[in-house]
């Protein structure tokens, strides 16, 4: 079966203290979710659980992401998290407590 894309949504999240890339990524996913309202399930003959969701997350140190925690931000469907290098680290004045910024893209597909 082929997948057909029905939604692409973006979000941004920040961890101001603690250099927690996962926290910033979860906030980016939450930001993207707040921009969407999916009302087309009935018209497609699908349910929320039929969604195949890919979450692309970019941070400066993607190896530090907890992909299971990020996936848990999505309440429905089958979720895959794809970390990549990106985002932004903003150094603090003393260099010890940077602000970390994550970008997330959520892609929703259904099998056709």
N, C-alpha and C. Protein backbone atom coordinates (compact mmCIF):
# COMPACT_ATOMS: atom_id res chain seq x y z
N UNK A 1 0.83 -1.19 0.00
CA UNK A 1 0.00 0.00 0.00
C UNK A 1 0.87 1.25 0.00
N UNK A 2 0.41 2.26 -0.70
CA UNK A 2 1.13 3.53 -0.76
C UNK A 2 0.62 4.47 0.31
N UNK A 3 1.51 5.33 0.79
CA UNK A 3 1.12 6.36 1.75
C UNK A 3 0.85 7.66 1.01
N UNK A 4 -0.23 8.34 1.40
CA UNK A 4 -0.56 9.64 0.85
C UNK A 4 -0.48 10.68 1.96
N UNK A 5 0.25 11.75 1.71
CA UNK A 5 0.42 12.80 2.71
C UNK A 5 -0.81 13.71 2.71
N UNK A 6 -1.31 13.97 3.93
CA UNK A 6 -2.47 14.84 4.10
C UNK A 6 -2.16 16.10 4.90
N UNK A 7 -1.07 16.10 5.64
CA UNK A 7 -0.77 17.26 6.48
C UNK A 7 0.72 17.36 6.69
N UNK A 8 1.23 18.58 6.63
CA UNK A 8 2.59 18.90 7.06
C UNK A 8 2.48 20.14 7.94
N UNK A 9 2.99 20.04 9.15
CA UNK A 9 2.90 21.16 10.09
C UNK A 9 4.26 21.33 10.77
N UNK A 10 4.63 22.58 11.05
CA UNK A 10 5.92 22.87 11.65
C UNK A 10 5.74 23.54 13.01
N UNK A 11 6.77 23.35 13.86
CA UNK A 11 6.76 23.99 15.16
C UNK A 11 8.17 24.27 15.64
N UNK A 12 8.27 25.13 16.65
CA UNK A 12 9.55 25.47 17.24
C UNK A 12 9.42 25.40 18.76
N UNK A 13 10.46 24.90 19.40
CA UNK A 13 10.47 24.83 20.85
C UNK A 13 11.83 25.21 21.40
N UNK A 14 11.83 25.69 22.65
CA UNK A 14 13.05 26.21 23.26
C UNK A 14 13.18 25.68 24.68
N UNK A 15 14.41 25.35 25.08
CA UNK A 15 14.73 25.13 26.48
C UNK A 15 15.70 26.23 26.87
N UNK A 16 15.25 27.12 27.75
CA UNK A 16 16.02 28.31 28.09
C UNK A 16 17.15 27.98 29.06
N UNK A 17 16.95 27.05 29.98
CA UNK A 17 17.99 26.67 30.94
C UNK A 17 18.06 25.15 31.01
N UNK A 18 19.24 24.61 30.98
CA UNK A 18 19.41 23.18 31.17
C UNK A 18 19.91 22.41 29.96
N UNK A 19 19.95 23.04 28.80
CA UNK A 19 20.45 22.41 27.58
C UNK A 19 19.79 21.04 27.34
N UNK A 20 18.46 21.00 27.49
CA UNK A 20 17.70 19.77 27.32
C UNK A 20 17.08 19.76 25.92
N UNK A 21 17.75 19.07 25.00
CA UNK A 21 17.29 19.03 23.62
C UNK A 21 15.95 18.32 23.49
N UNK A 22 15.72 17.31 24.31
CA UNK A 22 14.44 16.60 24.25
C UNK A 22 13.30 17.51 24.70
N UNK A 23 13.51 18.29 25.75
CA UNK A 23 12.47 19.21 26.21
C UNK A 23 12.15 20.22 25.10
N UNK A 24 13.18 20.77 24.47
CA UNK A 24 12.96 21.71 23.37
C UNK A 24 12.22 21.04 22.22
N UNK A 25 12.58 19.80 21.91
CA UNK A 25 11.93 19.06 20.82
C UNK A 25 10.47 18.78 21.15
N UNK A 26 10.17 18.40 22.38
CA UNK A 26 8.78 18.16 22.79
C UNK A 26 7.96 19.43 22.67
N UNK A 27 8.56 20.55 23.02
CA UNK A 27 7.86 21.83 22.90
C UNK A 27 7.63 22.19 21.43
N UNK A 28 8.57 21.83 20.56
CA UNK A 28 8.40 22.09 19.13
C UNK A 28 7.25 21.24 18.57
N UNK A 29 7.17 19.98 19.01
CA UNK A 29 6.09 19.11 18.57
C UNK A 29 4.75 19.65 19.08
N UNK A 30 4.71 20.04 20.33
CA UNK A 30 3.49 20.61 20.91
C UNK A 30 3.07 21.87 20.16
N UNK A 31 4.04 22.71 19.81
CA UNK A 31 3.76 23.92 19.04
C UNK A 31 3.12 23.56 17.70
N UNK A 32 3.66 22.59 17.01
CA UNK A 32 3.11 22.17 15.72
C UNK A 32 1.69 21.62 15.88
N UNK A 33 1.46 20.83 16.92
CA UNK A 33 0.13 20.26 17.13
C UNK A 33 -0.91 21.35 17.39
N UNK A 34 -0.53 22.39 18.09
CA UNK A 34 -1.49 23.47 18.38
C UNK A 34 -1.87 24.25 17.12
N UNK A 35 -1.13 24.10 16.04
CA UNK A 35 -1.45 24.79 14.79
C UNK A 35 -2.40 23.98 13.92
N UNK A 36 -2.76 22.76 14.34
CA UNK A 36 -3.53 21.89 13.47
C UNK A 36 -4.84 21.46 14.13
N UNK A 37 -5.81 21.25 13.30
CA UNK A 37 -7.06 20.63 13.71
C UNK A 37 -7.49 19.75 12.55
N UNK A 38 -7.41 18.45 12.75
CA UNK A 38 -7.70 17.51 11.67
C UNK A 38 -9.15 17.07 11.76
N UNK A 39 -9.91 17.42 10.73
CA UNK A 39 -11.34 17.11 10.73
C UNK A 39 -11.76 16.26 9.54
N UNK A 40 -10.83 15.66 8.85
CA UNK A 40 -11.16 14.98 7.60
C UNK A 40 -11.23 13.46 7.71
N UNK A 41 -11.12 12.91 8.90
CA UNK A 41 -11.10 11.45 9.06
C UNK A 41 -12.36 10.80 8.50
N UNK A 42 -13.52 11.31 8.89
CA UNK A 42 -14.79 10.72 8.46
C UNK A 42 -14.92 10.75 6.94
N UNK A 43 -14.54 11.87 6.31
CA UNK A 43 -14.63 11.98 4.86
C UNK A 43 -13.75 10.96 4.15
N UNK A 44 -12.64 10.58 4.78
CA UNK A 44 -11.72 9.60 4.18
C UNK A 44 -12.07 8.17 4.56
N UNK A 45 -13.01 8.02 5.49
CA UNK A 45 -13.32 6.68 5.98
C UNK A 45 -12.20 6.13 6.85
N UNK A 46 -11.50 7.03 7.54
CA UNK A 46 -10.36 6.65 8.38
C UNK A 46 -10.60 7.08 9.82
N UNK A 47 -9.77 6.54 10.72
CA UNK A 47 -9.80 6.97 12.11
C UNK A 47 -8.47 7.63 12.45
N UNK A 48 -8.43 8.27 13.61
CA UNK A 48 -7.18 8.89 14.06
C UNK A 48 -6.08 7.86 14.21
N UNK A 49 -6.45 6.64 14.57
CA UNK A 49 -5.45 5.59 14.77
C UNK A 49 -4.84 5.11 13.46
N UNK A 50 -5.47 5.42 12.33
CA UNK A 50 -4.95 5.02 11.02
C UNK A 50 -3.80 5.91 10.55
N UNK A 51 -3.56 7.02 11.25
CA UNK A 51 -2.52 7.96 10.82
C UNK A 51 -1.13 7.32 10.94
N UNK A 52 -0.32 7.55 9.94
CA UNK A 52 1.11 7.21 9.96
C UNK A 52 1.83 8.55 10.06
N UNK A 53 2.45 8.79 11.21
CA UNK A 53 3.00 10.11 11.50
C UNK A 53 4.52 10.04 11.57
N UNK A 54 5.16 10.93 10.86
CA UNK A 54 6.61 11.09 10.93
C UNK A 54 6.89 12.44 11.58
N UNK A 55 7.70 12.43 12.62
CA UNK A 55 8.11 13.65 13.29
C UNK A 55 9.59 13.85 12.99
N UNK A 56 9.89 14.89 12.25
CA UNK A 56 11.28 15.23 11.96
C UNK A 56 11.69 16.32 12.93
N UNK A 57 12.78 16.08 13.68
CA UNK A 57 13.22 17.02 14.70
C UNK A 57 14.68 17.37 14.45
N UNK A 58 14.97 18.68 14.46
CA UNK A 58 16.34 19.14 14.25
C UNK A 58 16.83 19.91 15.47
N UNK A 59 17.95 19.45 16.02
CA UNK A 59 18.64 20.13 17.12
C UNK A 59 20.14 20.03 16.86
N UNK A 60 20.90 20.83 17.58
CA UNK A 60 22.35 20.83 17.38
C UNK A 60 23.02 19.51 17.72
N UNK A 61 22.47 18.80 18.70
CA UNK A 61 23.04 17.51 19.10
C UNK A 61 21.94 16.45 19.09
N UNK A 62 21.57 15.96 17.89
CA UNK A 62 20.44 15.03 17.77
C UNK A 62 20.64 13.71 18.51
N UNK A 63 21.87 13.33 18.75
CA UNK A 63 22.14 12.08 19.47
C UNK A 63 21.68 12.13 20.93
N UNK A 64 21.41 13.33 21.43
CA UNK A 64 20.96 13.50 22.81
C UNK A 64 19.43 13.45 22.95
N UNK A 65 18.71 13.27 21.83
CA UNK A 65 17.25 13.24 21.88
C UNK A 65 16.73 11.90 22.39
N UNK A 66 15.68 11.97 23.19
CA UNK A 66 14.94 10.78 23.64
C UNK A 66 13.74 10.65 22.70
N UNK A 67 13.89 9.83 21.65
CA UNK A 67 12.85 9.75 20.61
C UNK A 67 11.55 9.16 21.15
N UNK A 68 11.61 8.28 22.12
CA UNK A 68 10.38 7.73 22.70
C UNK A 68 9.58 8.81 23.43
N UNK A 69 10.27 9.66 24.16
CA UNK A 69 9.59 10.76 24.86
C UNK A 69 8.97 11.73 23.86
N UNK A 70 9.68 12.01 22.78
CA UNK A 70 9.15 12.90 21.75
C UNK A 70 7.92 12.27 21.09
N UNK A 71 8.00 11.00 20.76
CA UNK A 71 6.86 10.29 20.14
C UNK A 71 5.64 10.32 21.05
N UNK A 72 5.85 10.29 22.35
CA UNK A 72 4.71 10.28 23.28
C UNK A 72 3.93 11.58 23.28
N UNK A 73 4.48 12.64 22.66
CA UNK A 73 3.75 13.91 22.53
C UNK A 73 2.59 13.80 21.54
N UNK A 74 2.64 12.81 20.66
CA UNK A 74 1.61 12.63 19.64
C UNK A 74 0.55 11.67 20.20
N UNK A 75 -0.70 12.12 20.33
CA UNK A 75 -1.70 11.30 21.02
C UNK A 75 -2.30 10.17 20.19
N UNK A 76 -2.15 10.18 18.86
CA UNK A 76 -2.82 9.20 18.02
C UNK A 76 -1.89 8.67 16.96
N UNK A 77 -2.27 7.56 16.36
CA UNK A 77 -1.58 7.04 15.20
C UNK A 77 -0.28 6.32 15.52
N UNK A 78 0.38 5.92 14.46
CA UNK A 78 1.68 5.25 14.53
C UNK A 78 2.76 6.30 14.27
N UNK A 79 3.67 6.48 15.25
CA UNK A 79 4.61 7.60 15.20
C UNK A 79 6.05 7.11 15.03
N UNK A 80 6.76 7.76 14.11
CA UNK A 80 8.18 7.56 13.91
C UNK A 80 8.87 8.91 14.09
N UNK A 81 9.94 8.94 14.87
CA UNK A 81 10.70 10.17 15.08
C UNK A 81 12.03 10.06 14.34
N UNK A 82 12.33 11.08 13.54
CA UNK A 82 13.56 11.13 12.77
C UNK A 82 14.39 12.34 13.21
N UNK A 83 15.39 12.13 14.08
CA UNK A 83 16.25 13.24 14.51
C UNK A 83 17.24 13.63 13.41
N UNK A 84 17.58 14.92 13.38
CA UNK A 84 18.61 15.38 12.46
C UNK A 84 19.33 16.59 13.06
N UNK A 85 20.46 16.90 12.49
CA UNK A 85 21.26 18.04 12.96
C UNK A 85 20.64 19.32 12.43
N UNK A 86 20.51 20.30 13.32
CA UNK A 86 19.92 21.58 12.95
C UNK A 86 19.64 22.38 14.20
N UNK A 87 18.52 23.08 14.22
CA UNK A 87 18.18 23.87 15.38
C UNK A 87 19.18 24.99 15.60
N UNK A 88 19.30 25.39 16.87
CA UNK A 88 20.18 26.51 17.19
C UNK A 88 20.54 26.46 18.66
N UNK A 89 21.80 26.67 18.98
CA UNK A 89 22.24 26.87 20.36
C UNK A 89 22.69 28.33 20.47
N UNK A 90 22.18 29.01 21.50
CA UNK A 90 22.55 30.40 21.74
C UNK A 90 23.34 30.43 23.04
N UNK A 91 24.63 30.75 22.94
CA UNK A 91 25.49 30.75 24.12
C UNK A 91 25.03 31.78 25.15
N UNK A 92 25.18 31.41 26.42
CA UNK A 92 24.95 32.36 27.51
C UNK A 92 26.19 33.24 27.64
N UNK A 93 26.08 34.27 28.45
CA UNK A 93 27.21 35.17 28.62
C UNK A 93 28.44 34.46 29.17
N UNK A 94 28.23 33.49 30.08
CA UNK A 94 29.38 32.77 30.65
C UNK A 94 29.70 31.48 29.89
N UNK A 95 28.89 31.16 28.88
CA UNK A 95 29.14 29.96 28.08
C UNK A 95 28.72 28.66 28.72
N UNK A 96 28.09 28.70 29.89
CA UNK A 96 27.75 27.49 30.63
C UNK A 96 26.29 27.07 30.53
N UNK A 97 25.41 27.94 30.09
CA UNK A 97 23.98 27.65 30.11
C UNK A 97 23.32 28.14 28.82
N UNK A 98 23.60 27.48 27.69
CA UNK A 98 23.04 27.96 26.43
C UNK A 98 21.53 27.73 26.34
N UNK A 99 20.89 28.54 25.53
CA UNK A 99 19.50 28.33 25.14
C UNK A 99 19.52 27.40 23.93
N UNK A 100 18.69 26.36 23.96
CA UNK A 100 18.65 25.45 22.81
C UNK A 100 17.29 25.55 22.12
N UNK A 101 17.34 25.57 20.79
CA UNK A 101 16.14 25.71 19.98
C UNK A 101 16.01 24.47 19.11
N UNK A 102 14.80 23.91 19.09
CA UNK A 102 14.49 22.75 18.25
C UNK A 102 13.45 23.13 17.22
N UNK A 103 13.57 22.55 16.05
CA UNK A 103 12.55 22.68 15.01
C UNK A 103 11.94 21.30 14.79
N UNK A 104 10.63 21.28 14.57
CA UNK A 104 9.95 20.00 14.31
C UNK A 104 9.02 20.16 13.11
N UNK A 105 8.97 19.12 12.32
CA UNK A 105 8.00 19.01 11.24
C UNK A 105 7.21 17.73 11.45
N UNK A 106 5.90 17.83 11.42
CA UNK A 106 5.04 16.68 11.59
C UNK A 106 4.36 16.40 10.24
N UNK A 107 4.50 15.17 9.78
CA UNK A 107 3.92 14.76 8.51
C UNK A 107 2.91 13.66 8.80
N UNK A 108 1.67 13.86 8.36
CA UNK A 108 0.60 12.88 8.58
C UNK A 108 0.22 12.26 7.26
N UNK A 109 0.27 10.93 7.20
CA UNK A 109 -0.10 10.18 6.00
C UNK A 109 -1.11 9.10 6.35
N UNK A 110 -1.83 8.66 5.33
CA UNK A 110 -2.71 7.51 5.44
C UNK A 110 -2.38 6.52 4.34
N UNK A 111 -2.56 5.25 4.64
CA UNK A 111 -2.40 4.24 3.60
C UNK A 111 -3.59 4.31 2.66
N UNK A 112 -3.31 4.24 1.38
CA UNK A 112 -4.37 4.28 0.36
C UNK A 112 -4.40 2.98 -0.38
